[in-house]
Amino acid sequence: MEISGKIIAVLPMATGEGKNGIWRSQDYVLETSDQYPKKVCFNLFNDKIDQFPMAIDDVVNVSFDIESREYNGRWYTSIRAWKVDKNAATVVPSTQTSAISAAPFNGTPAAGEGSDLPF
């Protein structure tokens, strides 16, 4: 899967040691440029952190896998990026114009309007 947007946060790196040795995980928050922008937190793991360095305000296209796992009766979902292309996507502010244009309201209803309002 893929998602495009701008990096709005770089969270602190997490490190630890497992049965396969030391690991590192870096989380980033991306904001899409849709009409209704979405914020998505994804992570890079181990050598991918160095392979795809990112900073706040970078415009990126992220390829990722989604995985859910159960632990003690609860489910946890992670979005793990495996490829990041900088400046591959262009964030364009939404400039859609509506076909309906509203006249300014001056406090009095226009002729033929408002006479049957219940309040």
Protein backbone atom coordinates (compact mmCIF):
# COMPACT_ATOMS: atom_id res chain seq x y z
CA MET A 1 0.00 0.00 0.00
CA GLU A 2 1.03 3.61 -0.44
CA ILE A 3 0.22 7.00 1.08
CA SER A 4 1.49 10.47 0.26
CA GLY A 5 1.75 13.58 2.38
CA LYS A 6 3.92 15.83 4.50
CA ILE A 7 5.84 14.77 7.61
CA ILE A 8 4.45 16.79 10.53
CA ALA A 9 6.16 15.01 13.46
CA VAL A 10 9.20 12.86 14.14
CA LEU A 11 8.73 10.94 17.38
CA PRO A 12 11.56 9.79 19.68
CA MET A 13 13.42 6.66 18.59
CA ALA A 14 12.71 3.48 20.53
CA THR A 15 15.42 0.88 21.07
CA GLY A 16 15.56 -2.47 22.75
CA GLU A 17 17.09 -5.89 22.75
CA GLY A 18 15.34 -9.04 21.61
CA LYS A 19 16.34 -12.61 20.93
CA ASN A 20 17.85 -11.50 17.59
CA GLY A 21 19.88 -8.62 19.06
CA ILE A 22 19.41 -4.88 19.39
CA TRP A 23 16.60 -3.22 17.45
CA ARG A 24 15.60 0.38 16.65
CA SER A 25 12.20 1.80 15.69
CA GLN A 26 11.48 5.38 14.55
CA ASP A 27 7.90 6.71 14.31
CA TYR A 28 6.79 9.51 11.98
CA VAL A 29 3.43 11.26 11.56
CA LEU A 30 2.33 12.06 8.01
CA GLU A 31 -0.55 14.36 7.06
CA THR A 32 -2.30 13.80 3.73
CA SER A 33 -3.32 16.66 1.44
CA ASP A 34 -6.89 15.46 0.86
CA GLN A 35 -9.92 17.70 1.22
CA TYR A 36 -10.21 16.23 4.72
CA PRO A 37 -6.55 15.63 5.72
CA LYS A 38 -5.75 12.47 7.64
CA LYS A 39 -2.87 11.98 10.04
CA VAL A 40 -1.12 8.61 9.89
CA CYS A 41 1.62 7.36 12.22
CA PHE A 42 4.03 4.89 10.61
CA ASN A 43 7.42 3.53 11.56
CA LEU A 44 10.75 2.56 10.09
CA PHE A 45 12.66 -0.31 11.63
CA ASN A 46 16.43 -0.88 12.03
CA ASP A 47 18.46 -0.12 8.86
CA LYS A 48 15.47 1.50 7.11
CA ILE A 49 15.86 4.46 9.52
CA ASP A 50 19.29 5.24 8.06
CA GLN A 51 18.27 4.34 4.50
CA PHE A 52 15.31 6.78 4.44
CA PRO A 53 16.12 9.80 6.65
CA MET A 54 13.19 12.22 7.03
CA ALA A 55 12.54 15.54 8.72
CA ILE A 56 9.50 17.67 9.47
CA ASP A 57 7.99 19.30 6.34
CA ASP A 58 9.44 16.66 3.97
CA VAL A 59 6.91 15.70 1.29
CA VAL A 60 7.01 11.92 0.86
CA ASN A 61 5.36 8.92 -0.73
CA VAL A 62 5.45 5.99 1.71
CA SER A 63 5.10 2.31 0.74
CA PHE A 64 4.08 0.25 3.75
CA ASP A 65 2.62 -2.96 5.16
CA ILE A 66 -0.08 -3.10 7.82
CA GLU A 67 0.11 -5.84 10.43
CA SER A 68 -2.02 -6.62 13.47
CA ARG A 69 -1.09 -8.95 16.31
CA GLU A 70 -2.73 -10.10 19.52
CA TYR A 71 -1.10 -9.77 22.94
CA ASN A 72 -2.93 -10.62 26.19
CA GLY A 73 -6.34 -10.45 24.57
CA ARG A 74 -5.77 -7.06 22.90
CA TRP A 75 -4.98 -6.36 19.27
CA TYR A 76 -2.24 -3.97 18.15
CA THR A 77 -1.79 -2.65 14.62
CA SER A 78 1.42 -1.27 13.14
CA ILE A 79 2.12 0.47 9.86
CA ARG A 80 5.67 -0.42 8.89
CA ALA A 81 7.22 1.47 5.97
CA TRP A 82 9.55 -0.41 3.63
CA LYS A 83 10.19 2.37 1.10
CA VAL A 84 10.05 6.17 1.25
CA ASP A 85 10.36 8.49 -1.76
CA LYS A 86 11.03 12.12 -0.87
CA ASN A 87 9.44 14.83 -2.98
CA ALA A 88 7.73 12.15 -5.07
CA ALA A 89 4.35 13.56 -4.16
CA THR A 90 3.36 17.17 -4.35
CA VAL A 91 1.18 18.43 -1.55
CA VAL A 92 -1.35 20.77 -3.11
CA PRO A 93 -3.65 22.70 -0.81
CA SER A 94 -7.25 21.99 -1.52
CA THR A 95 -8.59 24.85 -3.66
CA GLN A 96 -11.84 23.33 -4.75
CA THR A 97 -14.55 25.87 -5.44
CA SER A 98 -18.14 25.18 -4.68
CA ALA A 99 -20.83 25.57 -7.31
CA ILE A 100 -22.99 27.24 -4.67
CA SER A 101 -22.13 30.82 -3.90
CA ALA A 102 -23.62 32.29 -0.77
CA ALA A 103 -24.64 35.93 -0.56
CA PRO A 104 -23.51 37.74 2.56
CA PHE A 105 -26.11 37.81 5.32
CA ASN A 106 -27.01 41.30 6.51
CA GLY A 107 -29.31 40.25 9.36
CA THR A 108 -32.62 40.49 7.51
CA PRO A 109 -34.10 37.75 5.34
CA ALA A 110 -34.37 38.34 1.61
CA ALA A 111 -37.81 38.88 0.08
CA GLY A 112 -39.88 35.71 0.27
CA GLU A 113 -37.53 34.07 2.79
CA GLY A 114 -37.88 33.56 6.49
CA SER A 115 -41.56 34.40 6.84
CA ASP A 116 -42.52 30.83 7.78
CA LEU A 117 -39.65 30.10 10.19
CA PRO A 118 -40.80 28.67 13.54
CA PHE A 119 -38.41 30.78 15.62
